[in-house]
Protein backbone atom coordinates (compact mmCIF):
# COMPACT_ATOMS: atom_id res chain seq x y z
CA UNK A 1 6.63 -8.12 -14.88
CA UNK A 2 6.39 -6.29 -11.29
CA UNK A 3 7.83 -2.85 -11.37
CA UNK A 4 9.09 -0.99 -8.42
CA UNK A 5 8.70 2.93 -8.48
CA UNK A 6 10.47 4.68 -5.28
CA UNK A 7 8.41 7.59 -4.30
CA UNK A 8 9.75 10.18 -1.95
CA UNK A 9 7.16 11.95 0.42
CA UNK A 10 6.84 14.07 3.27
CA UNK A 11 4.49 13.26 5.83
CA UNK A 12 3.57 15.00 9.03
CA UNK A 13 5.49 14.44 12.22
CA UNK A 14 2.59 12.51 14.28
CA UNK A 15 1.64 10.01 11.18
CA UNK A 16 5.78 9.55 10.90
CA UNK A 17 5.90 8.89 14.76
CA UNK A 18 2.51 6.43 14.73
CA UNK A 19 4.21 4.56 11.82
CA UNK A 20 7.47 4.13 13.64
CA UNK A 21 5.66 2.57 16.59
CA UNK A 22 3.90 0.32 14.42
CA UNK A 23 6.78 -1.11 12.88
CA UNK A 24 8.52 -1.20 15.99
CA UNK A 25 5.50 -3.88 17.44
CA UNK A 26 5.20 -5.27 13.78
CA UNK A 27 8.54 -6.77 12.96
CA UNK A 28 7.19 -8.41 9.60
CA UNK A 29 6.10 -5.34 8.51
CA UNK A 30 8.30 -2.52 7.00
CA UNK A 31 7.55 1.48 5.61
CA UNK A 32 7.36 -0.03 2.03
CA UNK A 33 4.82 -2.75 2.50
CA UNK A 34 2.58 -0.11 4.74
CA UNK A 35 2.78 2.36 2.28
CA UNK A 36 1.89 -0.18 -0.41
CA UNK A 37 -0.85 -1.28 1.59
CA UNK A 38 -2.00 1.98 2.09
CA UNK A 39 -1.84 3.63 -0.96
CA UNK A 40 -3.40 0.42 -2.66
CA UNK A 41 -6.17 0.67 0.14
CA UNK A 42 -6.72 4.65 -0.91
CA UNK A 43 -7.04 3.46 -4.91
CA UNK A 44 -9.45 1.05 -3.96
CA UNK A 45 -11.79 3.19 -2.18
CA UNK A 46 -11.30 6.17 -4.59
CA UNK A 47 -11.45 4.45 -7.84
CA UNK A 48 -14.70 3.60 -9.35
CA UNK A 49 -14.64 -0.04 -11.30
CA UNK A 50 -17.44 1.36 -14.03
CA UNK A 51 -15.35 1.43 -17.24
CA UNK A 52 -13.30 -1.49 -18.76
CA UNK A 53 -10.25 0.51 -17.83
CA UNK A 54 -10.77 1.67 -14.38
CA UNK A 55 -11.94 -1.72 -13.83
CA UNK A 56 -8.37 -2.84 -14.98
CA UNK A 57 -6.94 -0.85 -12.45
CA UNK A 58 -9.40 -1.67 -9.50
CA UNK A 59 -8.20 -5.26 -10.31
CA UNK A 60 -4.63 -4.38 -10.20
CA UNK A 61 -5.04 -2.02 -6.93
CA UNK A 62 -7.04 -5.06 -5.37
CA UNK A 63 -4.16 -7.86 -6.27
CA UNK A 64 -1.44 -5.38 -4.71
CA UNK A 65 -3.31 -4.90 -1.59
CA UNK A 66 -4.16 -8.18 -0.93
CA UNK A 67 -0.78 -9.50 -1.95
CA UNK A 68 0.59 -6.92 0.66
CA UNK A 69 -1.30 -8.04 3.54
CA UNK A 70 -0.60 -11.30 3.23
CA UNK A 71 2.64 -11.20 2.37
CA UNK A 72 4.92 -13.07 4.37
CA UNK A 73 8.73 -12.03 5.77
CA UNK A 74 11.29 -14.33 4.10
């Protein structure tokens, strides 16, 4: 079962403008998809997969990242 968690976050205005520009030129992406890809990539880059628990979390983050990147707009 996939659960969705809503996140409210403040971001710098420059980052917001960059995101807005990206979304205007990539209509099959939305803000939620971008944040999901960015957060899962961050976790992939900063979580070690040395223990069984962190290895499981790493695989989950990798799955979310790849699913988000290759998701097609319906």
